[in-house]
């Protein structure tokens, strides 16, 4: 019985670890122009060479608003779903 409980506990613990994976999004501009992203009321700035990594994303839906300095182009709103695939 103890062996069964231990096996069940290890299986359940392993399932929880794999179910809560973190994901990331990598964004980069073609011309190395800096930009910003609004995500959940936070403003994230790209590097001076125009790339940004948004890490530690959980499974779910996200709305990103992407904009450029000096309002060269209008802000772009993107909705995406992050999942285990």
PDB file of N, CA and C in Angstrom:
ATOM      1  N   UNK A   1       0.818  -1.193   0.000  1.00  0.00           N
ATOM      2  CA  UNK A   1       0.000   0.000   0.000  1.00  0.00           C
ATOM      3  C   UNK A   1       0.863   1.259   0.000  1.00  0.00           C
ATOM      4  N   UNK A   2       1.950   1.217   0.790  1.00  0.00           N
ATOM      5  CA  UNK A   2       2.833   2.381   0.837  1.00  0.00           C
ATOM      6  C   UNK A   2       3.463   2.649  -0.528  1.00  0.00           C
ATOM      7  N   UNK A   3       3.810   1.592  -1.201  1.00  0.00           N
ATOM      8  CA  UNK A   3       4.427   1.717  -2.517  1.00  0.00           C
ATOM      9  C   UNK A   3       3.442   2.355  -3.508  1.00  0.00           C
ATOM     10  N   UNK A   4       2.181   1.958  -3.440  1.00  0.00           N
ATOM     11  CA  UNK A   4       1.149   2.532  -4.302  1.00  0.00           C
ATOM     12  C   UNK A   4       0.973   4.025  -4.011  1.00  0.00           C
ATOM     13  N   UNK A   5       0.909   4.395  -2.747  1.00  0.00           N
ATOM     14  CA  UNK A   5       0.737   5.807  -2.373  1.00  0.00           C
ATOM     15  C   UNK A   5       1.942   6.644  -2.815  1.00  0.00           C
ATOM     16  N   UNK A   6       3.118   6.100  -2.652  1.00  0.00           N
ATOM     17  CA  UNK A   6       4.317   6.810  -3.081  1.00  0.00           C
ATOM     18  C   UNK A   6       4.332   6.996  -4.588  1.00  0.00           C
ATOM     19  N   UNK A   7       3.970   5.964  -5.326  1.00  0.00           N
ATOM     20  CA  UNK A   7       3.911   6.056  -6.785  1.00  0.00           C
ATOM     21  C   UNK A   7       2.859   7.073  -7.222  1.00  0.00           C
ATOM     22  N   UNK A   8       1.697   7.044  -6.600  1.00  0.00           N
ATOM     23  CA  UNK A   8       0.636   7.997  -6.934  1.00  0.00           C
ATOM     24  C   UNK A   8       1.077   9.421  -6.625  1.00  0.00           C
ATOM     25  N   UNK A   9       1.733   9.629  -5.480  1.00  0.00           N
ATOM     26  CA  UNK A   9       2.213  10.961  -5.116  1.00  0.00           C
ATOM     27  C   UNK A   9       3.245  11.470  -6.121  1.00  0.00           C
ATOM     28  N   UNK A  10       4.188  10.633  -6.507  1.00  0.00           N
ATOM     29  CA  UNK A  10       5.208  11.051  -7.464  1.00  0.00           C
ATOM     30  C   UNK A  10       4.593  11.370  -8.827  1.00  0.00           C
ATOM     31  N   UNK A  11       3.629  10.569  -9.247  1.00  0.00           N
ATOM     32  CA  UNK A  11       2.946  10.840 -10.513  1.00  0.00           C
ATOM     33  C   UNK A  11       2.227  12.179 -10.461  1.00  0.00           C
ATOM     34  N   UNK A  12       1.497  12.421  -9.385  1.00  0.00           N
ATOM     35  CA  UNK A  12       0.753  13.676  -9.229  1.00  0.00           C
ATOM     36  C   UNK A  12       1.710  14.869  -9.180  1.00  0.00           C
ATOM     37  N   UNK A  13       2.800  14.765  -8.451  1.00  0.00           N
ATOM     38  CA  UNK A  13       3.783  15.842  -8.335  1.00  0.00           C
ATOM     39  C   UNK A  13       4.423  16.140  -9.690  1.00  0.00           C
ATOM     40  N   UNK A  14       4.757  15.106 -10.445  1.00  0.00           N
ATOM     41  CA  UNK A  14       5.339  15.291 -11.776  1.00  0.00           C
ATOM     42  C   UNK A  14       4.351  15.959 -12.709  1.00  0.00           C
ATOM     43  N   UNK A  15       3.086  15.585 -12.632  1.00  0.00           N
ATOM     44  CA  UNK A  15       2.050  16.196 -13.463  1.00  0.00           C
ATOM     45  C   UNK A  15       1.932  17.690 -13.169  1.00  0.00           C
ATOM     46  N   UNK A  16       1.976  18.061 -11.901  1.00  0.00           N
ATOM     47  CA  UNK A  16       1.881  19.477 -11.520  1.00  0.00           C
ATOM     48  C   UNK A  16       3.073  20.257 -12.066  1.00  0.00           C
ATOM     49  N   UNK A  17       4.259  19.692 -11.984  1.00  0.00           N
ATOM     50  CA  UNK A  17       5.451  20.382 -12.487  1.00  0.00           C
ATOM     51  C   UNK A  17       5.364  20.639 -13.981  1.00  0.00           C
ATOM     52  N   UNK A  18       4.904  19.672 -14.740  1.00  0.00           N
ATOM     53  CA  UNK A  18       4.814  19.847 -16.183  1.00  0.00           C
ATOM     54  C   UNK A  18       3.623  20.688 -16.588  1.00  0.00           C
ATOM     55  N   UNK A  19       2.591  20.735 -15.794  1.00  0.00           N
ATOM     56  CA  UNK A  19       1.391  21.496 -16.138  1.00  0.00           C
ATOM     57  C   UNK A  19       1.614  22.992 -15.991  1.00  0.00           C
ATOM     58  N   UNK A  20       2.569  23.407 -15.188  1.00  0.00           N
ATOM     59  CA  UNK A  20       2.776  24.825 -14.937  1.00  0.00           C
ATOM     60  C   UNK A  20       4.067  25.332 -15.574  1.00  0.00           C
ATOM     61  N   UNK A  21       4.209  25.073 -16.841  1.00  0.00           N
ATOM     62  CA  UNK A  21       5.397  25.525 -17.549  1.00  0.00           C
ATOM     63  C   UNK A  21       5.294  27.012 -17.848  1.00  0.00           C
ATOM     64  N   UNK A  22       6.421  27.668 -17.879  1.00  0.00           N
ATOM     65  CA  UNK A  22       6.487  29.067 -18.279  1.00  0.00           C
ATOM     66  C   UNK A  22       6.846  29.138 -19.760  1.00  0.00           C
ATOM     67  N   UNK A  23       6.289  30.115 -20.434  1.00  0.00           N
ATOM     68  CA  UNK A  23       6.560  30.325 -21.848  1.00  0.00           C
ATOM     69  C   UNK A  23       7.142  31.718 -22.033  1.00  0.00           C
ATOM     70  N   UNK A  24       7.625  31.997 -23.236  1.00  0.00           N
ATOM     71  CA  UNK A  24       8.136  33.327 -23.527  1.00  0.00           C
ATOM     72  C   UNK A  24       7.774  33.713 -24.955  1.00  0.00           C
ATOM     73  N   UNK A  25       7.853  35.028 -25.202  1.00  0.00           N
ATOM     74  CA  UNK A  25       7.639  35.573 -26.542  1.00  0.00           C
ATOM     75  C   UNK A  25       8.863  36.400 -26.889  1.00  0.00           C
ATOM     76  N   UNK A  26       9.386  36.190 -28.086  1.00  0.00           N
ATOM     77  CA  UNK A  26      10.527  36.955 -28.579  1.00  0.00           C
ATOM     78  C   UNK A  26      10.028  37.860 -29.706  1.00  0.00           C
ATOM     79  N   UNK A  27      10.229  39.162 -29.558  1.00  0.00           N
ATOM     80  CA  UNK A  27       9.829  40.138 -30.569  1.00  0.00           C
ATOM     81  C   UNK A  27      11.069  40.876 -31.057  1.00  0.00           C
ATOM     82  N   UNK A  28      11.126  41.135 -32.370  1.00  0.00           N
ATOM     83  CA  UNK A  28      12.266  41.848 -32.942  1.00  0.00           C
ATOM     84  C   UNK A  28      11.809  42.643 -34.154  1.00  0.00           C
ATOM     85  N   UNK A  29      12.333  43.846 -34.301  1.00  0.00           N
ATOM     86  CA  UNK A  29      12.022  44.654 -35.475  1.00  0.00           C
ATOM     87  C   UNK A  29      13.028  44.363 -36.581  1.00  0.00           C
ATOM     88  N   UNK A  30      12.604  44.574 -37.816  1.00  0.00           N
ATOM     89  CA  UNK A  30      13.484  44.321 -38.958  1.00  0.00           C
ATOM     90  C   UNK A  30      14.629  45.324 -39.031  1.00  0.00           C
ATOM     91  N   UNK A  31      14.343  46.571 -38.696  1.00  0.00           N
ATOM     92  CA  UNK A  31      15.346  47.623 -38.869  1.00  0.00           C
ATOM     93  C   UNK A  31      16.028  48.015 -37.557  1.00  0.00           C
ATOM     94  N   UNK A  32      15.964  47.162 -36.556  1.00  0.00           N
ATOM     95  CA  UNK A  32      16.599  47.384 -35.252  1.00  0.00           C
ATOM     96  C   UNK A  32      16.122  48.668 -34.581  1.00  0.00           C
ATOM     97  N   UNK A  33      14.859  48.993 -34.759  1.00  0.00           N
ATOM     98  CA  UNK A  33      14.275  50.192 -34.150  1.00  0.00           C
ATOM     99  C   UNK A  33      13.670  49.843 -32.789  1.00  0.00           C
ATOM    100  N   UNK A  34      13.952  50.636 -31.764  1.00  0.00           N
ATOM    101  CA  UNK A  34      13.367  50.373 -30.441  1.00  0.00           C
ATOM    102  C   UNK A  34      11.841  50.522 -30.458  1.00  0.00           C
ATOM    103  N   UNK A  35      11.176  49.776 -29.584  1.00  0.00           N
ATOM    104  CA  UNK A  35       9.725  49.830 -29.476  1.00  0.00           C
ATOM    105  C   UNK A  35       9.343  49.518 -28.036  1.00  0.00           C
ATOM    106  N   UNK A  36       8.055  49.596 -27.754  1.00  0.00           N
ATOM    107  CA  UNK A  36       7.564  49.248 -26.426  1.00  0.00           C
ATOM    108  C   UNK A  36       6.347  48.346 -26.571  1.00  0.00           C
ATOM    109  N   UNK A  37       6.062  47.613 -25.497  1.00  0.00           N
ATOM    110  CA  UNK A  37       4.897  46.730 -25.453  1.00  0.00           C
ATOM    111  C   UNK A  37       4.152  47.013 -24.154  1.00  0.00           C
ATOM    112  N   UNK A  38       2.852  47.209 -24.262  1.00  0.00           N
ATOM    113  CA  UNK A  38       2.000  47.331 -23.085  1.00  0.00           C
ATOM    114  C   UNK A  38       1.366  45.973 -22.841  1.00  0.00           C
ATOM    115  N   UNK A  39       1.588  45.431 -21.636  1.00  0.00           N
ATOM    116  CA  UNK A  39       1.070  44.119 -21.269  1.00  0.00           C
ATOM    117  C   UNK A  39       0.594  44.180 -19.824  1.00  0.00           C
ATOM    118  N   UNK A  40      -0.689  43.967 -19.612  1.00  0.00           N
ATOM    119  CA  UNK A  40      -1.262  43.970 -18.254  1.00  0.00           C
ATOM    120  C   UNK A  40      -0.896  45.234 -17.480  1.00  0.00           C
ATOM    121  N   UNK A  41      -1.105  46.375 -18.072  1.00  0.00           N
ATOM    122  CA  UNK A  41      -0.853  47.683 -17.459  1.00  0.00           C
ATOM    123  C   UNK A  41       0.626  47.942 -17.168  1.00  0.00           C
ATOM    124  N   UNK A  42       1.516  47.148 -17.745  1.00  0.00           N
ATOM    125  CA  UNK A  42       2.962  47.374 -17.634  1.00  0.00           C
ATOM    126  C   UNK A  42       3.475  47.763 -19.010  1.00  0.00           C
ATOM    127  N   UNK A  43       4.459  48.635 -19.019  1.00  0.00           N
ATOM    128  CA  UNK A  43       5.111  49.015 -20.271  1.00  0.00           C
ATOM    129  C   UNK A  43       6.503  48.404 -20.270  1.00  0.00           C
ATOM    130  N   UNK A  44       6.761  47.572 -21.266  1.00  0.00           N
ATOM    131  CA  UNK A  44       8.053  46.903 -21.418  1.00  0.00           C
ATOM    132  C   UNK A  44       8.766  47.522 -22.610  1.00  0.00           C
ATOM    133  N   UNK A  45      10.004  47.920 -22.432  1.00  0.00           N
ATOM    134  CA  UNK A  45      10.776  48.542 -23.510  1.00  0.00           C
ATOM    135  C   UNK A  45      11.743  47.543 -24.116  1.00  0.00           C
ATOM    136  N   UNK A  46      11.905  47.641 -25.428  1.00  0.00           N
ATOM    137  CA  UNK A  46      12.861  46.775 -26.112  1.00  0.00           C
ATOM    138  C   UNK A  46      14.274  47.290 -25.869  1.00  0.00           C
ATOM    139  N   UNK A  47      15.234  46.519 -26.324  1.00  0.00           N
ATOM    140  CA  UNK A  47      16.618  46.970 -26.267  1.00  0.00           C
ATOM    141  C   UNK A  47      16.820  48.055 -27.331  1.00  0.00           C
ATOM    142  N   UNK A  48      17.948  48.720 -27.301  1.00  0.00           N
ATOM    143  CA  UNK A  48      18.217  49.763 -28.300  1.00  0.00           C
ATOM    144  C   UNK A  48      18.362  49.183 -29.697  1.00  0.00           C
ATOM    145  N   UNK A  49      18.623  47.878 -29.789  1.00  0.00           N
ATOM    146  CA  UNK A  49      18.723  47.236 -31.104  1.00  0.00           C
ATOM    147  C   UNK A  49      17.408  46.598 -31.547  1.00  0.00           C
ATOM    148  N   UNK A  50      16.321  46.856 -30.817  1.00  0.00           N
ATOM    149  CA  UNK A  50      14.996  46.472 -31.273  1.00  0.00           C
ATOM    150  C   UNK A  50      14.556  45.047 -31.022  1.00  0.00           C
ATOM    151  N   UNK A  51      14.893  44.474 -29.856  1.00  0.00           N
ATOM    152  CA  UNK A  51      14.337  43.163 -29.534  1.00  0.00           C
ATOM    153  C   UNK A  51      13.865  43.149 -28.087  1.00  0.00           C
ATOM    154  N   UNK A  52      12.932  42.266 -27.799  1.00  0.00           N
ATOM    155  CA  UNK A  52      12.351  42.166 -26.464  1.00  0.00           C
ATOM    156  C   UNK A  52      11.939  40.723 -26.226  1.00  0.00           C
ATOM    157  N   UNK A  53      12.260  40.214 -25.055  1.00  0.00           N
ATOM    158  CA  UNK A  53      11.824  38.883 -24.639  1.00  0.00           C
ATOM    159  C   UNK A  53      10.870  39.072 -23.466  1.00  0.00           C
ATOM    160  N   UNK A  54       9.651  38.575 -23.627  1.00  0.00           N
ATOM    161  CA  UNK A  54       8.672  38.603 -22.550  1.00  0.00           C
ATOM    162  C   UNK A  54       8.616  37.194 -21.990  1.00  0.00           C
ATOM    163  N   UNK A  55       9.131  37.026 -20.786  1.00  0.00           N
ATOM    164  CA  UNK A  55       9.287  35.689 -20.205  1.00  0.00           C
ATOM    165  C   UNK A  55       8.248  35.428 -19.117  1.00  0.00           C
ATOM    166  N   UNK A  56       8.243  34.190 -18.654  1.00  0.00           N
ATOM    167  CA  UNK A  56       7.406  33.732 -17.546  1.00  0.00           C
ATOM    168  C   UNK A  56       5.919  33.906 -17.827  1.00  0.00           C
ATOM    169  N   UNK A  57       5.504  33.605 -19.050  1.00  0.00           N
ATOM    170  CA  UNK A  57       4.092  33.670 -19.393  1.00  0.00           C
ATOM    171  C   UNK A  57       3.436  32.330 -19.068  1.00  0.00           C
ATOM    172  N   UNK A  58       2.325  32.386 -18.408  1.00  0.00           N
ATOM    173  CA  UNK A  58       1.542  31.186 -18.105  1.00  0.00           C
ATOM    174  C   UNK A  58       0.572  30.931 -19.249  1.00  0.00           C
ATOM    175  N   UNK A  59      -0.028  29.771 -19.276  1.00  0.00           N
ATOM    176  CA  UNK A  59      -1.060  29.476 -20.262  1.00  0.00           C
ATOM    177  C   UNK A  59      -2.208  30.469 -20.095  1.00  0.00           C
ATOM    178  N   UNK A  60      -2.707  30.973 -21.215  1.00  0.00           N
ATOM    179  CA  UNK A  60      -3.834  31.899 -21.153  1.00  0.00           C
ATOM    180  C   UNK A  60      -3.824  32.856 -22.328  1.00  0.00           C
ATOM    181  N   UNK A  61      -4.747  33.810 -22.288  1.00  0.00           N
ATOM    182  CA  UNK A  61      -4.885  34.808 -23.343  1.00  0.00           C
ATOM    183  C   UNK A  61      -4.182  36.093 -22.924  1.00  0.00           C
ATOM    184  N   UNK A  62      -3.520  36.736 -23.881  1.00  0.00           N
ATOM    185  CA  UNK A  62      -2.795  37.974 -23.631  1.00  0.00           C
ATOM    186  C   UNK A  62      -3.123  38.980 -24.730  1.00  0.00           C
ATOM    187  N   UNK A  63      -3.187  40.244 -24.350  1.00  0.00           N
ATOM    188  CA  UNK A  63      -3.351  41.326 -25.308  1.00  0.00           C
ATOM    189  C   UNK A  63      -2.107  42.199 -25.228  1.00  0.00           C
ATOM    190  N   UNK A  64      -1.394  42.287 -26.340  1.00  0.00           N
ATOM    191  CA  UNK A  64      -0.187  43.111 -26.427  1.00  0.00           C
ATOM    192  C   UNK A  64      -0.499  44.344 -27.260  1.00  0.00           C
ATOM    193  N   UNK A  65      -0.071  45.495 -26.776  1.00  0.00           N
ATOM    194  CA  UNK A  65      -0.161  46.724 -27.550  1.00  0.00           C
ATOM    195  C   UNK A  65       1.268  47.136 -27.856  1.00  0.00           C
ATOM    196  N   UNK A  66       1.618  47.155 -29.136  1.00  0.00           N
ATOM    197  CA  UNK A  66       2.985  47.443 -29.560  1.00  0.00           C
ATOM    198  C   UNK A  66       3.021  48.831 -30.178  1.00  0.00           C
ATOM    199  N   UNK A  67       3.972  49.632 -29.724  1.00  0.00           N
ATOM    200  CA  UNK A  67       4.111  50.984 -30.247  1.00  0.00           C
ATOM    201  C   UNK A  67       5.566  51.350 -30.452  1.00  0.00           C
ATOM    202  N   UNK A  68       5.772  52.419 -31.212  1.00  0.00           N
ATOM    203  CA  UNK A  68       7.124  52.887 -31.518  1.00  0.00           C
ATOM    204  C   UNK A  68       7.317  54.300 -30.991  1.00  0.00           C
ATOM    205  N   UNK A  69       8.556  54.648 -30.764  1.00  0.00           N
ATOM    206  CA  UNK A  69       8.881  55.974 -30.259  1.00  0.00           C
ATOM    207  C   UNK A  69       8.482  57.053 -31.251  1.00  0.00           C
ATOM    208  N   UNK A  70       8.146  58.205 -30.732  1.00  0.00           N
ATOM    209  CA  UNK A  70       7.760  59.374 -31.526  1.00  0.00           C
ATOM    210  C   UNK A  70       6.539  59.100 -32.411  1.00  0.00           C
ATOM    211  N   UNK A  71       5.735  58.109 -32.043  1.00  0.00           N
ATOM    212  CA  UNK A  71       4.493  57.803 -32.767  1.00  0.00           C
ATOM    213  C   UNK A  71       4.685  57.714 -34.280  1.00  0.00           C
ATOM    214  N   UNK A  72       5.737  57.038 -34.714  1.00  0.00           N
ATOM    215  CA  UNK A  72       5.984  56.887 -36.151  1.00  0.00           C
ATOM    216  C   UNK A  72       4.859  56.112 -36.826  1.00  0.00           C
ATOM    217  N   UNK A  73       4.307  55.131 -36.139  1.00  0.00           N
ATOM    218  CA  UNK A  73       3.178  54.350 -36.642  1.00  0.00           C
ATOM    219  C   UNK A  73       2.157  54.240 -35.520  1.00  0.00           C
ATOM    220  N   UNK A  74       0.901  54.017 -35.872  1.00  0.00           N
ATOM    221  CA  UNK A  74      -0.099  53.837 -34.810  1.00  0.00           C
ATOM    222  C   UNK A  74       0.166  52.559 -34.014  1.00  0.00           C
ATOM    223  N   UNK A  75      -0.289  52.545 -32.764  1.00  0.00           N
ATOM    224  CA  UNK A  75      -0.107  51.358 -31.938  1.00  0.00           C
ATOM    225  C   UNK A  75      -0.841  50.171 -32.557  1.00  0.00           C
ATOM    226  N   UNK A  76      -0.241  49.018 -32.414  1.00  0.00           N
ATOM    227  CA  UNK A  76      -0.794  47.775 -32.954  1.00  0.00           C
ATOM    228  C   UNK A  76      -1.218  46.895 -31.791  1.00  0.00           C
ATOM    229  N   UNK A  77      -2.462  46.438 -31.788  1.00  0.00           N
ATOM    230  CA  UNK A  77      -2.967  45.564 -30.734  1.00  0.00           C
ATOM    231  C   UNK A  77      -3.032  44.132 -31.251  1.00  0.00           C
ATOM    232  N   UNK A  78      -2.419  43.225 -30.502  1.00  0.00           N
ATOM    233  CA  UNK A  78      -2.382  41.815 -30.883  1.00  0.00           C
ATOM    234  C   UNK A  78      -2.917  41.005 -29.704  1.00  0.00           C
ATOM    235  N   UNK A  79      -3.841  40.109 -29.985  1.00  0.00           N
ATOM    236  CA  UNK A  79      -4.341  39.183 -28.980  1.00  0.00           C
ATOM    237  C   UNK A  79      -3.816  37.797 -29.325  1.00  0.00           C
ATOM    238  N   UNK A  80      -3.242  37.129 -28.323  1.00  0.00           N
ATOM    239  CA  UNK A  80      -2.709  35.802 -28.575  1.00  0.00           C
ATOM    240  C   UNK A  80      -3.004  34.872 -27.419  1.00  0.00           C
ATOM    241  N   UNK A  81      -2.961  33.597 -27.706  1.00  0.00           N
ATOM    242  CA  UNK A  81      -3.186  32.559 -26.690  1.00  0.00           C
ATOM    243  C   UNK A  81      -1.905  31.771 -26.522  1.00  0.00           C
ATOM    244  N   UNK A  82      -1.480  31.646 -25.277  1.00  0.00           N
ATOM    245  CA  UNK A  82      -0.299  30.860 -24.945  1.00  0.00           C
ATOM    246  C   UNK A  82      -0.787  29.562 -24.311  1.00  0.00           C
ATOM    247  N   UNK A  83      -0.329  28.445 -24.856  1.00  0.00           N
ATOM    248  CA  UNK A  83      -0.674  27.153 -24.275  1.00  0.00           C
ATOM    249  C   UNK A  83       0.504  26.210 -24.445  1.00  0.00           C
ATOM    250  N   UNK A  84       0.330  24.987 -24.006  1.00  0.00           N
ATOM    251  CA  UNK A  84       1.453  24.049 -24.008  1.00  0.00           C
ATOM    252  C   UNK A  84       1.912  23.650 -25.398  1.00  0.00           C
ATOM    253  N   UNK A  85       1.161  24.004 -26.434  1.00  0.00           N
ATOM    254  CA  UNK A  85       1.583  23.694 -27.801  1.00  0.00           C
ATOM    255  C   UNK A  85       2.464  24.802 -28.305  1.00  0.00           C
TER     256      UNK A  85
END
